[in-house]
Amino acid sequence: EGQFDAASNAFAIVVSRWNSFVVDKLLEGALDGLRRHGVAEENIT
């Protein structure tokens, strides 16, 4: 199984600008999830 300790991993998020009124909220959620599970800002693109 996988665990939810992501501190040592780097993640990329690709965001569509179309429908940004919705997608911006998805990005906020993804960033919140990564940060809450130990991913450092410098490991997020």
Full PDB file with SEQRES, HELIX, SHEET, SSBOND, CRYST1, ORIGX, SCALE, CONECT and MASTER records, all heavy atoms in Angstrom:
SEQRES   1 A   45  GLU GLY GLN PHE ASP ALA ALA SER ASN ALA PHE ALA ILE          
SEQRES   2 A   45  VAL VAL SER ARG TRP ASN SER PHE VAL VAL ASP LYS LEU          
SEQRES   3 A   45  LEU GLU GLY ALA LEU ASP GLY LEU ARG ARG HIS GLY VAL          
SEQRES   4 A   45  ALA GLU GLU ASN ILE THR                                      
HELIX    1 AA1 SER A   20  ARG A   36  1                                  17    
HELIX    2 AA2 GLU A   41  ASN A   43  5                                   3    
CRYST1    1.000    1.000    1.000  90.00  90.00  90.00 P 1           1          
ORIGX1      1.000000  0.000000  0.000000        0.00000                         
ORIGX2      0.000000  1.000000  0.000000        0.00000                         
ORIGX3      0.000000  0.000000  1.000000        0.00000                         
SCALE1      1.000000  0.000000  0.000000        0.00000                         
SCALE2      0.000000  1.000000  0.000000        0.00000                         
SCALE3      0.000000  0.000000  1.000000        0.00000                         
ATOM      1  N   GLU A   1       0.843  -1.193   0.000  1.00  0.00           N  
ATOM      2  CA  GLU A   1       0.000   0.000   0.000  1.00  0.00           C  
ATOM      3  C   GLU A   1       0.878   1.241   0.000  1.00  0.00           C  
ATOM      4  O   GLU A   1       2.055   1.180   0.326  1.00  0.00           O  
ATOM      5  CB  GLU A   1      -0.883   0.044   1.252  1.00  0.00           C  
ATOM      6  CG  GLU A   1      -1.886  -1.066   1.354  1.00  0.00           C  
ATOM      7  CD  GLU A   1      -2.713  -0.978   2.619  1.00  0.00           C  
ATOM      8  OE1 GLU A   1      -2.122  -0.942   3.718  1.00  0.00           O  
ATOM      9  OE2 GLU A   1      -3.939  -0.925   2.492  1.00  0.00           O  
ATOM     10  N   GLY A   2       0.260   2.355  -0.323  1.00  0.00           N  
ATOM     11  CA  GLY A   2       0.933   3.638  -0.216  1.00  0.00           C  
ATOM     12  C   GLY A   2       0.530   4.329   1.073  1.00  0.00           C  
ATOM     13  O   GLY A   2      -0.547   4.079   1.609  1.00  0.00           O  
ATOM     14  N   GLN A   3       1.418   5.178   1.573  1.00  0.00           N  
ATOM     15  CA  GLN A   3       1.139   5.979   2.750  1.00  0.00           C  
ATOM     16  C   GLN A   3       0.982   7.443   2.319  1.00  0.00           C  
ATOM     17  O   GLN A   3       1.143   7.769   1.157  1.00  0.00           O  
ATOM     18  CB  GLN A   3       2.279   5.848   3.768  1.00  0.00           C  
ATOM     19  CG  GLN A   3       2.171   4.607   4.650  1.00  0.00           C  
ATOM     20  CD  GLN A   3       2.389   3.307   3.892  1.00  0.00           C  
ATOM     21  OE1 GLN A   3       3.370   3.165   3.166  1.00  0.00           O  
ATOM     22  NE2 GLN A   3       1.486   2.376   4.046  1.00  0.00           N  
ATOM     23  N   PHE A   4       0.715   8.286   3.292  1.00  0.00           N  
ATOM     24  CA  PHE A   4       0.480   9.700   2.998  1.00  0.00           C  
ATOM     25  C   PHE A   4       1.576  10.592   3.565  1.00  0.00           C  
ATOM     26  O   PHE A   4       1.329  11.700   3.981  1.00  0.00           O  
ATOM     27  CB  PHE A   4      -0.903  10.120   3.508  1.00  0.00           C  
ATOM     28  CG  PHE A   4      -2.000   9.512   2.706  1.00  0.00           C  
ATOM     29  CD1 PHE A   4      -2.614   8.353   3.123  1.00  0.00           C  
ATOM     30  CD2 PHE A   4      -2.391  10.072   1.498  1.00  0.00           C  
ATOM     31  CE1 PHE A   4      -3.614   7.768   2.363  1.00  0.00           C  
ATOM     32  CE2 PHE A   4      -3.384   9.495   0.732  1.00  0.00           C  
ATOM     33  CZ  PHE A   4      -4.000   8.341   1.168  1.00  0.00           C  
ATOM     34  N   ASP A   5       2.810  10.096   3.554  1.00  0.00           N  
ATOM     35  CA  ASP A   5       3.966  10.884   3.955  1.00  0.00           C  
ATOM     36  C   ASP A   5       4.706  11.265   2.688  1.00  0.00           C  
ATOM     37  O   ASP A   5       5.338  10.421   2.053  1.00  0.00           O  
ATOM     38  CB  ASP A   5       4.866  10.078   4.885  1.00  0.00           C  
ATOM     39  CG  ASP A   5       6.126  10.825   5.245  1.00  0.00           C  
ATOM     40  OD1 ASP A   5       6.156  12.060   5.088  1.00  0.00           O  
ATOM     41  OD2 ASP A   5       7.092  10.181   5.687  1.00  0.00           O  
ATOM     42  N   ALA A   6       4.612  12.502   2.296  1.00  0.00           N  
ATOM     43  CA  ALA A   6       5.141  12.924   1.000  1.00  0.00           C  
ATOM     44  C   ALA A   6       6.309  13.887   1.114  1.00  0.00           C  
ATOM     45  O   ALA A   6       6.711  14.483   0.129  1.00  0.00           O  
ATOM     46  CB  ALA A   6       4.017  13.588   0.203  1.00  0.00           C  
ATOM     47  N   ALA A   7       6.863  14.033   2.286  1.00  0.00           N  
ATOM     48  CA  ALA A   7       7.835  15.096   2.532  1.00  0.00           C  
ATOM     49  C   ALA A   7       9.023  15.078   1.575  1.00  0.00           C  
ATOM     50  O   ALA A   7       9.544  16.128   1.216  1.00  0.00           O  
ATOM     51  CB  ALA A   7       8.322  15.024   3.978  1.00  0.00           C  
ATOM     52  N   SER A   8       9.452  13.913   1.139  1.00  0.00           N  
ATOM     53  CA  SER A   8      10.666  13.861   0.311  1.00  0.00           C  
ATOM     54  C   SER A   8      10.377  13.870  -1.188  1.00  0.00           C  
ATOM     55  O   SER A   8      11.302  13.825  -1.988  1.00  0.00           O  
ATOM     56  CB  SER A   8      11.465  12.604   0.663  1.00  0.00           C  
ATOM     57  OG  SER A   8      10.711  11.451   0.349  1.00  0.00           O  
ATOM     58  N   ASN A   9       9.137  13.930  -1.585  1.00  0.00           N  
ATOM     59  CA  ASN A   9       8.788  13.893  -3.005  1.00  0.00           C  
ATOM     60  C   ASN A   9       8.556  15.285  -3.574  1.00  0.00           C  
ATOM     61  O   ASN A   9       8.135  16.192  -2.866  1.00  0.00           O  
ATOM     62  CB  ASN A   9       7.518  13.062  -3.220  1.00  0.00           C  
ATOM     63  CG  ASN A   9       7.756  11.595  -2.987  1.00  0.00           C  
ATOM     64  OD1 ASN A   9       8.739  11.035  -3.448  1.00  0.00           O  
ATOM     65  ND2 ASN A   9       6.860  10.967  -2.258  1.00  0.00           N  
ATOM     66  N   ALA A  10       8.807  15.406  -4.871  1.00  0.00           N  
ATOM     67  CA  ALA A  10       8.485  16.633  -5.596  1.00  0.00           C  
ATOM     68  C   ALA A  10       7.260  16.369  -6.462  1.00  0.00           C  
ATOM     69  O   ALA A  10       7.108  15.267  -7.006  1.00  0.00           O  
ATOM     70  CB  ALA A  10       9.670  17.068  -6.462  1.00  0.00           C  
ATOM     71  N   PHE A  11       6.394  17.348  -6.569  1.00  0.00           N  
ATOM     72  CA  PHE A  11       5.151  17.215  -7.317  1.00  0.00           C  
ATOM     73  C   PHE A  11       5.001  18.377  -8.279  1.00  0.00           C  
ATOM     74  O   PHE A  11       5.378  19.509  -7.968  1.00  0.00           O  
ATOM     75  CB  PHE A  11       3.950  17.198  -6.362  1.00  0.00           C  
ATOM     76  CG  PHE A  11       3.936  16.015  -5.451  1.00  0.00           C  
ATOM     77  CD1 PHE A  11       4.601  16.046  -4.236  1.00  0.00           C  
ATOM     78  CD2 PHE A  11       3.274  14.856  -5.806  1.00  0.00           C  
ATOM     79  CE1 PHE A  11       4.610  14.951  -3.390  1.00  0.00           C  
ATOM     80  CE2 PHE A  11       3.265  13.757  -4.977  1.00  0.00           C  
ATOM     81  CZ  PHE A  11       3.942  13.800  -3.762  1.00  0.00           C  
ATOM     82  N   ALA A  12       4.423  18.079  -9.440  1.00  0.00           N  
ATOM     83  CA  ALA A  12       4.071  19.129 -10.397  1.00  0.00           C  
ATOM     84  C   ALA A  12       2.558  19.154 -10.530  1.00  0.00           C  
ATOM     85  O   ALA A  12       1.899  18.103 -10.491  1.00  0.00           O  
ATOM     86  CB  ALA A  12       4.714  18.862 -11.755  1.00  0.00           C  
ATOM     87  N   ILE A  13       2.021  20.344 -10.670  1.00  0.00           N  
ATOM     88  CA  ILE A  13       0.593  20.528 -10.893  1.00  0.00           C  
ATOM     89  C   ILE A  13       0.441  21.321 -12.181  1.00  0.00           C  
ATOM     90  O   ILE A  13       1.018  22.406 -12.316  1.00  0.00           O  
ATOM     91  CB  ILE A  13      -0.073  21.292  -9.730  1.00  0.00           C  
ATOM     92  CG1 ILE A  13       0.205  20.616  -8.392  1.00  0.00           C  
ATOM     93  CG2 ILE A  13      -1.578  21.412  -9.973  1.00  0.00           C  
ATOM     94  CD1 ILE A  13      -0.224  21.437  -7.183  1.00  0.00           C  
ATOM     95  N   VAL A  14      -0.311  20.770 -13.125  1.00  0.00           N  
ATOM     96  CA  VAL A  14      -0.570  21.465 -14.378  1.00  0.00           C  
ATOM     97  C   VAL A  14      -2.001  21.985 -14.326  1.00  0.00           C  
ATOM     98  O   VAL A  14      -2.940  21.212 -14.095  1.00  0.00           O  
ATOM     99  CB  VAL A  14      -0.365  20.537 -15.599  1.00  0.00           C  
ATOM    100  CG1 VAL A  14      -0.527  21.330 -16.891  1.00  0.00           C  
ATOM    101  CG2 VAL A  14       1.001  19.872 -15.545  1.00  0.00           C  
ATOM    102  N   VAL A  15      -2.144  23.280 -14.526  1.00  0.00           N  
ATOM    103  CA  VAL A  15      -3.416  23.955 -14.316  1.00  0.00           C  
ATOM    104  C   VAL A  15      -3.902  24.586 -15.613  1.00  0.00           C  
ATOM    105  O   VAL A  15      -3.173  25.349 -16.254  1.00  0.00           O  
ATOM    106  CB  VAL A  15      -3.257  25.058 -13.240  1.00  0.00           C  
ATOM    107  CG1 VAL A  15      -4.580  25.745 -12.963  1.00  0.00           C  
ATOM    108  CG2 VAL A  15      -2.667  24.482 -11.968  1.00  0.00           C  
ATOM    109  N   SER A  16      -5.140  24.296 -15.968  1.00  0.00           N  
ATOM    110  CA  SER A  16      -5.783  24.924 -17.117  1.00  0.00           C  
ATOM    111  C   SER A  16      -6.275  26.311 -16.730  1.00  0.00           C  
ATOM    112  O   SER A  16      -6.905  26.479 -15.684  1.00  0.00           O  
ATOM    113  CB  SER A  16      -6.965  24.063 -17.571  1.00  0.00           C  
ATOM    114  OG  SER A  16      -7.800  24.783 -18.441  1.00  0.00           O  
ATOM    115  N   ARG A  17      -6.004  27.297 -17.564  1.00  0.00           N  
ATOM    116  CA  ARG A  17      -6.511  28.651 -17.298  1.00  0.00           C  
ATOM    117  C   ARG A  17      -8.002  28.782 -17.642  1.00  0.00           C  
ATOM    118  O   ARG A  17      -8.679  29.665 -17.134  1.00  0.00           O  
ATOM    119  CB  ARG A  17      -5.721  29.676 -18.099  1.00  0.00           C  
ATOM    120  CG  ARG A  17      -4.302  29.851 -17.633  1.00  0.00           C  
ATOM    121  CD  ARG A  17      -3.647  31.020 -18.362  1.00  0.00           C  
ATOM    122  NE  ARG A  17      -2.217  31.074 -18.139  1.00  0.00           N  
ATOM    123  CZ  ARG A  17      -1.639  31.582 -17.062  1.00  0.00           C  
ATOM    124  NH1 ARG A  17      -2.364  32.071 -16.090  1.00  0.00           N  
ATOM    125  NH2 ARG A  17      -0.326  31.595 -16.962  1.00  0.00           N  
ATOM    126  N   TRP A  18      -8.515  27.929 -18.516  1.00  0.00           N  
ATOM    127  CA  TRP A  18      -9.916  27.981 -18.915  1.00  0.00           C  
ATOM    128  C   TRP A  18     -10.775  27.598 -17.714  1.00  0.00           C  
ATOM    129  O   TRP A  18     -10.434  26.680 -16.983  1.00  0.00           O  
ATOM    130  CB  TRP A  18     -10.155  27.016 -20.072  1.00  0.00           C  
ATOM    131  CG  TRP A  18     -11.458  27.248 -20.762  1.00  0.00           C  
ATOM    132  CD1 TRP A  18     -12.594  26.514 -20.609  1.00  0.00           C  
ATOM    133  CD2 TRP A  18     -11.767  28.268 -21.714  1.00  0.00           C  
ATOM    134  NE1 TRP A  18     -13.589  27.016 -21.397  1.00  0.00           N  
ATOM    135  CE2 TRP A  18     -13.097  28.109 -22.099  1.00  0.00           C  
ATOM    136  CE3 TRP A  18     -11.029  29.317 -22.269  1.00  0.00           C  
ATOM    137  CZ2 TRP A  18     -13.729  28.944 -23.015  1.00  0.00           C  
ATOM    138  CZ3 TRP A  18     -11.645  30.141 -23.184  1.00  0.00           C  
ATOM    139  CH2 TRP A  18     -12.983  29.944 -23.544  1.00  0.00           C  
ATOM    140  N   ASN A  19     -11.871  28.276 -17.516  1.00  0.00           N  
ATOM    141  CA  ASN A  19     -12.754  28.076 -16.361  1.00  0.00           C  
ATOM    142  C   ASN A  19     -12.002  28.317 -15.049  1.00  0.00           C  
ATOM    143  O   ASN A  19     -12.180  27.592 -14.063  1.00  0.00           O  
ATOM    144  CB  ASN A  19     -13.403  26.691 -16.365  1.00  0.00           C  
ATOM    145  CG  ASN A  19     -14.410  26.542 -17.477  1.00  0.00           C  
ATOM    146  OD1 ASN A  19     -15.152  27.466 -17.781  1.00  0.00           O  
ATOM    147  ND2 ASN A  19     -14.426  25.379 -18.102  1.00  0.00           N  
ATOM    148  N   SER A  20     -11.185  29.352 -15.029  1.00  0.00           N  
ATOM    149  CA  SER A  20     -10.329  29.627 -13.869  1.00  0.00           C  
ATOM    150  C   SER A  20     -11.125  29.883 -12.594  1.00  0.00           C  
ATOM    151  O   SER A  20     -10.620  29.636 -11.500  1.00  0.00           O  
ATOM    152  CB  SER A  20      -9.402  30.802 -14.152  1.00  0.00           C  
ATOM    153  OG  SER A  20     -10.142  31.984 -14.393  1.00  0.00           O  
ATOM    154  N   PHE A  21     -12.361  30.334 -12.714  1.00  0.00           N  
ATOM    155  CA  PHE A  21     -13.176  30.573 -11.516  1.00  0.00           C  
ATOM    156  C   PHE A  21     -13.405  29.273 -10.742  1.00  0.00           C  
ATOM    157  O   PHE A  21     -13.639  29.296  -9.540  1.00  0.00           O  
ATOM    158  CB  PHE A  21     -14.514  31.234 -11.872  1.00  0.00           C  
ATOM    159  CG  PHE A  21     -15.464  30.343 -12.628  1.00  0.00           C  
ATOM    160  CD1 PHE A  21     -16.471  29.663 -11.971  1.00  0.00           C  
ATOM    161  CD2 PHE A  21     -15.334  30.187 -14.007  1.00  0.00           C  
ATOM    162  CE1 PHE A  21     -17.346  28.837 -12.674  1.00  0.00           C  
ATOM    163  CE2 PHE A  21     -16.191  29.372 -14.713  1.00  0.00           C  
ATOM    164  CZ  PHE A  21     -17.204  28.687 -14.050  1.00  0.00           C  
ATOM    165  N   VAL A  22     -13.287  28.143 -11.398  1.00  0.00           N  
ATOM    166  CA  VAL A  22     -13.395  26.827 -10.759  1.00  0.00           C  
ATOM    167  C   VAL A  22     -12.006  26.234 -10.530  1.00  0.00           C  
ATOM    168  O   VAL A  22     -11.702  25.737  -9.441  1.00  0.00           O  
ATOM    169  CB  VAL A  22     -14.233  25.863 -11.631  1.00  0.00           C  
ATOM    170  CG1 VAL A  22     -14.161  24.441 -11.107  1.00  0.00           C  
ATOM    171  CG2 VAL A  22     -15.671  26.328 -11.707  1.00  0.00           C  
ATOM    172  N   VAL A  23     -11.164  26.306 -11.535  1.00  0.00           N  
ATOM    173  CA  VAL A  23      -9.860  25.633 -11.486  1.00  0.00           C  
ATOM    174  C   VAL A  23      -8.945  26.250 -10.429  1.00  0.00           C  
ATOM    175  O   VAL A  23      -8.172  25.537  -9.782  1.00  0.00           O  
ATOM    176  CB  VAL A  23      -9.203  25.620 -12.879  1.00  0.00           C  
ATOM    177  CG1 VAL A  23      -7.857  24.902 -12.829  1.00  0.00           C  
ATOM    178  CG2 VAL A  23     -10.121  24.947 -13.890  1.00  0.00           C  
ATOM    179  N   ASP A  24      -9.052  27.562 -10.211  1.00  0.00           N  
ATOM    180  CA  ASP A  24      -8.246  28.198  -9.165  1.00  0.00           C  
ATOM    181  C   ASP A  24      -8.547  27.578  -7.798  1.00  0.00           C  
ATOM    182  O   ASP A  24      -7.644  27.413  -6.977  1.00  0.00           O  
ATOM    183  CB  ASP A  24      -8.486  29.705  -9.118  1.00  0.00           C  
ATOM    184  CG  ASP A  24      -7.888  30.432 -10.311  1.00  0.00           C  
ATOM    185  OD1 ASP A  24      -7.123  29.823 -11.089  1.00  0.00           O  
ATOM    186  OD2 ASP A  24      -8.213  31.634 -10.484  1.00  0.00           O  
ATOM    187  N   LYS A  25      -9.788  27.227  -7.559  1.00  0.00           N  
ATOM    188  CA  LYS A  25     -10.174  26.578  -6.290  1.00  0.00           C  
ATOM    189  C   LYS A  25      -9.613  25.162  -6.215  1.00  0.00           C  
ATOM    190  O   LYS A  25      -9.228  24.692  -5.144  1.00  0.00           O  
ATOM    191  CB  LYS A  25     -11.695  26.549  -6.140  1.00  0.00           C  
ATOM    192  CG  LYS A  25     -12.330  27.915  -6.070  1.00  0.00           C  
ATOM    193  CD  LYS A  25     -11.933  28.630  -4.804  1.00  0.00           C  
ATOM    194  CE  LYS A  25     -12.701  29.927  -4.670  1.00  0.00           C  
ATOM    195  NZ  LYS A  25     -12.210  30.740  -3.583  1.00  0.00           N  
ATOM    196  N   LEU A  26      -9.567  24.457  -7.358  1.00  0.00           N  
ATOM    197  CA  LEU A  26      -8.957  23.121  -7.382  1.00  0.00           C  
ATOM    198  C   LEU A  26      -7.478  23.218  -7.032  1.00  0.00           C  
ATOM    199  O   LEU A  26      -6.953  22.388  -6.273  1.00  0.00           O  
ATOM    200  CB  LEU A  26      -9.131  22.477  -8.758  1.00  0.00           C  
ATOM    201  CG  LEU A  26     -10.552  22.175  -9.210  1.00  0.00           C  
ATOM    202  CD1 LEU A  26     -10.541  21.649 -10.648  1.00  0.00           C  
ATOM    203  CD2 LEU A  26     -11.228  21.182  -8.278  1.00  0.00           C  
ATOM    204  N   LEU A  27      -6.804  24.228  -7.591  1.00  0.00           N  
ATOM    205  CA  LEU A  27      -5.389  24.426  -7.284  1.00  0.00           C  
ATOM    206  C   LEU A  27      -5.188  24.711  -5.799  1.00  0.00           C  
ATOM    207  O   LEU A  27      -4.282  24.135  -5.172  1.00  0.00           O  
ATOM    208  CB  LEU A  27      -4.807  25.559  -8.131  1.00  0.00           C  
ATOM    209  CG  LEU A  27      -3.351  25.920  -7.837  1.00  0.00           C  
ATOM    210  CD1 LEU A  27      -2.419  24.733  -8.039  1.00  0.00           C  
ATOM    211  CD2 LEU A  27      -2.930  27.112  -8.689  1.00  0.00           C  
ATOM    212  N   GLU A  28      -6.013  25.569  -5.233  1.00  0.00           N  
ATOM    213  CA  GLU A  28      -5.912  25.849  -3.792  1.00  0.00           C  
ATOM    214  C   GLU A  28      -6.043  24.564  -2.985  1.00  0.00           C  
ATOM    215  O   GLU A  28      -5.301  24.345  -2.019  1.00  0.00           O  
ATOM    216  CB  GLU A  28      -6.999  26.838  -3.362  1.00  0.00           C  
ATOM    217  CG  GLU A  28      -6.794  28.251  -3.830  1.00  0.00           C  
ATOM    218  CD  GLU A  28      -7.971  29.157  -3.484  1.00  0.00           C  
ATOM    219  OE1 GLU A  28      -8.747  28.824  -2.555  1.00  0.00           O  
ATOM    220  OE2 GLU A  28      -8.125  30.197  -4.149  1.00  0.00           O  
ATOM    221  N   GLY A  29      -6.987  23.706  -3.374  1.00  0.00           N  
ATOM    222  CA  GLY A  29      -7.177  22.442  -2.671  1.00  0.00           C  
ATOM    223  C   GLY A  29      -5.980  21.525  -2.806  1.00  0.00           C  
ATOM    224  O   GLY A  29      -5.548  20.895  -1.833  1.00  0.00           O  
ATOM    225  N   ALA A  30      -5.423  21.421  -4.014  1.00  0.00           N  
ATOM    226  CA  ALA A  30      -4.260  20.555  -4.233  1.00  0.00           C  
ATOM    227  C   ALA A  30      -3.056  21.052  -3.433  1.00  0.00           C  
ATOM    228  O   ALA A  30      -2.356  20.256  -2.787  1.00  0.00           O  
ATOM    229  CB  ALA A  30      -3.925  20.492  -5.724  1.00  0.00           C  
ATOM    230  N   LEU A  31      -2.822  22.352  -3.461  1.00  0.00           N  
ATOM    231  CA  LEU A  31      -1.703  22.908  -2.699  1.00  0.00           C  
ATOM    232  C   LEU A  31      -1.889  22.677  -1.206  1.00  0.00           C  
ATOM    233  O   LEU A  31      -0.934  22.318  -0.497  1.00  0.00           O  
ATOM    234  CB  LEU A  31      -1.542  24.402  -3.008  1.00  0.00           C  
ATOM    235  CG  LEU A  31      -1.065  24.742  -4.411  1.00  0.00           C  
ATOM    236  CD1 LEU A  31      -1.174  26.244  -4.664  1.00  0.00           C  
ATOM    237  CD2 LEU A  31       0.351  24.247  -4.648  1.00  0.00           C  
ATOM    238  N   ASP A  32      -3.096  22.867  -0.719  1.00  0.00           N  
ATOM    239  CA  ASP A  32      -3.392  22.627   0.690  1.00  0.00           C  
ATOM    240  C   ASP A  32      -3.107  21.171   1.056  1.00  0.00           C  
ATOM    241  O   ASP A  32      -2.470  20.885   2.077  1.00  0.00           O  
ATOM    242  CB  ASP A  32      -4.855  22.982   0.983  1.00  0.00           C  
ATOM    243  CG  ASP A  32      -5.224  22.795   2.439  1.00  0.00           C  
ATOM    244  OD1 ASP A  32      -4.469  23.252   3.320  1.00  0.00           O  
ATOM    245  OD2 ASP A  32      -6.276  22.178   2.706  1.00  0.00           O  
ATOM    246  N   GLY A  33      -3.540  20.246   0.224  1.00  0.00           N  
ATOM    247  CA  GLY A  33      -3.313  18.829   0.496  1.00  0.00           C  
ATOM    248  C   GLY A  33      -1.838  18.471   0.526  1.00  0.00           C  
ATOM    249  O   GLY A  33      -1.392  17.731   1.412  1.00  0.00           O  
ATOM    250  N   LEU A  34      -1.086  18.978  -0.431  1.00  0.00           N  
ATOM    251  CA  LEU A  34       0.347  18.682  -0.455  1.00  0.00           C  
ATOM    252  C   LEU A  34       1.048  19.272   0.767  1.00  0.00           C  
ATOM    253  O   LEU A  34       1.839  18.587   1.435  1.00  0.00           O  
ATOM    254  CB  LEU A  34       0.980  19.222  -1.743  1.00  0.00           C  
ATOM    255  CG  LEU A  34       0.535  18.539  -3.040  1.00  0.00           C  
ATOM    256  CD1 LEU A  34       1.114  19.261  -4.252  1.00  0.00           C  
ATOM    257  CD2 LEU A  34       0.899  17.062  -3.055  1.00  0.00           C  
ATOM    258  N   ARG A  35       0.739  20.516   1.084  1.00  0.00           N  
ATOM    259  CA  ARG A  35       1.378  21.169   2.242  1.00  0.00           C  
ATOM    260  C   ARG A  35       1.036  20.457   3.539  1.00  0.00           C  
ATOM    261  O   ARG A  35       1.905  20.251   4.394  1.00  0.00           O  
ATOM    262  CB  ARG A  35       0.937  22.626   2.326  1.00  0.00           C  
ATOM    263  CG  ARG A  35       1.488  23.496   1.225  1.00  0.00           C  
ATOM    264  CD  ARG A  35       0.905  24.899   1.315  1.00  0.00           C  
ATOM    265  NE  ARG A  35       1.321  25.732   0.225  1.00  0.00           N  
ATOM    266  CZ  ARG A  35       0.494  26.517  -0.471  1.00  0.00           C  
ATOM    267  NH1 ARG A  35      -0.794  26.585  -0.165  1.00  0.00           N  
ATOM    268  NH2 ARG A  35       0.956  27.246  -1.464  1.00  0.00           N  
ATOM    269  N   ARG A  36      -0.216  20.085   3.710  1.00  0.00           N  
ATOM    270  CA  ARG A  36      -0.645  19.416   4.945  1.00  0.00           C  
ATOM    271  C   ARG A  36       0.011  18.056   5.132  1.00  0.00           C  
ATOM    272  O   ARG A  36       0.044  17.535   6.249  1.00  0.00           O  
ATOM    273  CB  ARG A  36      -2.162  19.238   4.964  1.00  0.00           C  
ATOM    274  CG  ARG A  36      -2.926  20.499   5.234  1.00  0.00           C  
ATOM    275  CD  ARG A  36      -4.427  20.234   5.174  1.00  0.00           C  
ATOM    276  NE  ARG A  36      -5.166  21.441   5.301  1.00  0.00           N  
ATOM    277  CZ  ARG A  36      -5.794  21.826   6.427  1.00  0.00           C  
ATOM    278  NH1 ARG A  36      -5.751  21.058   7.492  1.00  0.00           N  
ATOM    279  NH2 ARG A  36      -6.458  22.944   6.453  1.00  0.00           N  
ATOM    280  N   HIS A  37       0.524  17.492   4.050  1.00  0.00           N  
ATOM    281  CA  HIS A  37       1.179  16.191   4.135  1.00  0.00           C  
ATOM    282  C   HIS A  37       2.694  16.305   4.008  1.00  0.00           C  
ATOM    283  O   HIS A  37       3.380  15.363   3.631  1.00  0.00           O  
ATOM    284  CB  HIS A  37       0.579  15.237   3.106  1.00  0.00           C  
ATOM    285  CG  HIS A  37      -0.778  14.783   3.522  1.00  0.00           C  
ATOM    286  ND1 HIS A  37      -1.904  15.550   3.304  1.00  0.00           N  
ATOM    287  CD2 HIS A  37      -1.188  13.673   4.178  1.00  0.00           C  
ATOM    288  CE1 HIS A  37      -2.949  14.914   3.815  1.00  0.00           C  
ATOM    289  NE2 HIS A  37      -2.539  13.791   4.346  1.00  0.00           N  
ATOM    290  N   GLY A  38       3.223  17.478   4.331  1.00  0.00           N  
ATOM    291  CA  GLY A  38       4.648  17.649   4.498  1.00  0.00           C  
ATOM    292  C   GLY A  38       5.452  18.021   3.271  1.00  0.00           C  
ATOM    293  O   GLY A  38       6.681  18.004   3.316  1.00  0.00           O  
ATOM    294  N   VAL A  39       4.802  18.361   2.175  1.00  0.00           N  
ATOM    295  CA  VAL A  39       5.548  18.732   0.977  1.00  0.00           C  
ATOM    296  C   VAL A  39       5.981  20.194   1.098  1.00  0.00           C  
ATOM    297  O   VAL A  39       5.152  21.082   1.295  1.00  0.00           O  
ATOM    298  CB  VAL A  39       4.706  18.517  -0.308  1.00  0.00           C  
ATOM    299  CG1 VAL A  39       5.517  18.906  -1.546  1.00  0.00           C  
ATOM    300  CG2 VAL A  39       4.231  17.074  -0.402  1.00  0.00           C  
ATOM    301  N   ALA A  40       7.269  20.419   0.973  1.00  0.00           N  
ATOM    302  CA  ALA A  40       7.814  21.770   1.072  1.00  0.00           C  
ATOM    303  C   ALA A  40       7.485  22.564  -0.189  1.00  0.00           C  
ATOM    304  O   ALA A  40       7.381  21.997  -1.284  1.00  0.00           O  
ATOM    305  CB  ALA A  40       9.328  21.702   1.269  1.00  0.00           C  
ATOM    306  N   GLU A  41       7.346  23.858  -0.024  1.00  0.00           N  
ATOM    307  CA  GLU A  41       7.027  24.744  -1.152  1.00  0.00           C  
ATOM    308  C   GLU A  41       7.989  24.547  -2.320  1.00  0.00           C  
ATOM    309  O   GLU A  41       7.584  24.555  -3.474  1.00  0.00           O  
ATOM    310  CB  GLU A  41       7.058  26.214  -0.716  1.00  0.00           C  
ATOM    311  CG  GLU A  41       5.975  26.606   0.249  1.00  0.00           C  
ATOM    312  CD  GLU A  41       4.605  26.711  -0.386  1.00  0.00           C  
ATOM    313  OE1 GLU A  41       4.508  27.090  -1.568  1.00  0.00           O  
ATOM    314  OE2 GLU A  41       3.632  26.395   0.305  1.00  0.00           O  
ATOM    315  N   GLU A  42       9.272  24.385  -2.012  1.00  0.00           N  
ATOM    316  CA  GLU A  42      10.265  24.252  -3.084  1.00  0.00           C  
ATOM    317  C   GLU A  42      10.150  22.919  -3.832  1.00  0.00           C  
ATOM    318  O   GLU A  42      10.772  22.736  -4.874  1.00  0.00           O  
ATOM    319  CB  GLU A  42      11.689  24.448  -2.557  1.00  0.00           C  
ATOM    320  CG  GLU A  42      12.109  23.474  -1.484  1.00  0.00           C  
ATOM    321  CD  GLU A  42      11.832  23.953  -0.058  1.00  0.00           C  
ATOM    322  OE1 GLU A  42      11.083  24.928   0.132  1.00  0.00           O  
ATOM    323  OE2 GLU A  42      12.377  23.323   0.865  1.00  0.00           O  
ATOM    324  N   ASN A  43       9.337  22.008  -3.321  1.00  0.00           N  
ATOM    325  CA  ASN A  43       9.102  20.723  -3.986  1.00  0.00           C  
ATOM    326  C   ASN A  43       7.792  20.697  -4.758  1.00  0.00           C  
ATOM    327  O   ASN A  43       7.324  19.628  -5.147  1.00  0.00           O  
ATOM    328  CB  ASN A  43       9.143  19.577  -2.980  1.00  0.00           C  
ATOM    329  CG  ASN A  43      10.548  19.303  -2.498  1.00  0.00           C  
ATOM    330  OD1 ASN A  43      11.519  19.644  -3.166  1.00  0.00           O  
ATOM    331  ND2 ASN A  43      10.665  18.700  -1.340  1.00  0.00           N  
ATOM    332  N   ILE A  44       7.195  21.867  -4.962  1.00  0.00           N  
ATOM    333  CA  ILE A  44       5.955  21.968  -5.730  1.00  0.00           C  
ATOM    334  C   ILE A  44       6.183  22.914  -6.901  1.00  0.00           C  
ATOM    335  O   ILE A  44       6.646  24.042  -6.722  1.00  0.00           O  
ATOM    336  CB  ILE A  44       4.790  22.505  -4.862  1.00  0.00           C  
ATOM    337  CG1 ILE A  44       4.563  21.628  -3.631  1.00  0.00           C  
ATOM    338  CG2 ILE A  44       3.516  22.615  -5.704  1.00  0.00           C  
ATOM    339  CD1 ILE A  44       3.601  22.224  -2.616  1.00  0.00           C  
ATOM    340  N   THR A  45       5.862  22.434  -8.095  1.00  0.00           N  
ATOM    341  CA  THR A  45       5.934  23.256  -9.304  1.00  0.00           C  
ATOM    342  C   THR A  45       4.529  23.361  -9.876  1.00  0.00           C  
ATOM    343  O   THR A  45       3.841  22.344 -10.000  1.00  0.00           O  
ATOM    344  CB  THR A  45       6.861  22.608 -10.348  1.00  0.00           C  
ATOM    345  OG1 THR A  45       8.177  22.520  -9.798  1.00  0.00           O  
ATOM    346  CG2 THR A  45       6.886  23.413 -11.643  1.00  0.00           C  
TER     347      THR A  45                                                      
MASTER        0    0    0    2    0    0    0    6  346    1    0    4          
END                                                                             
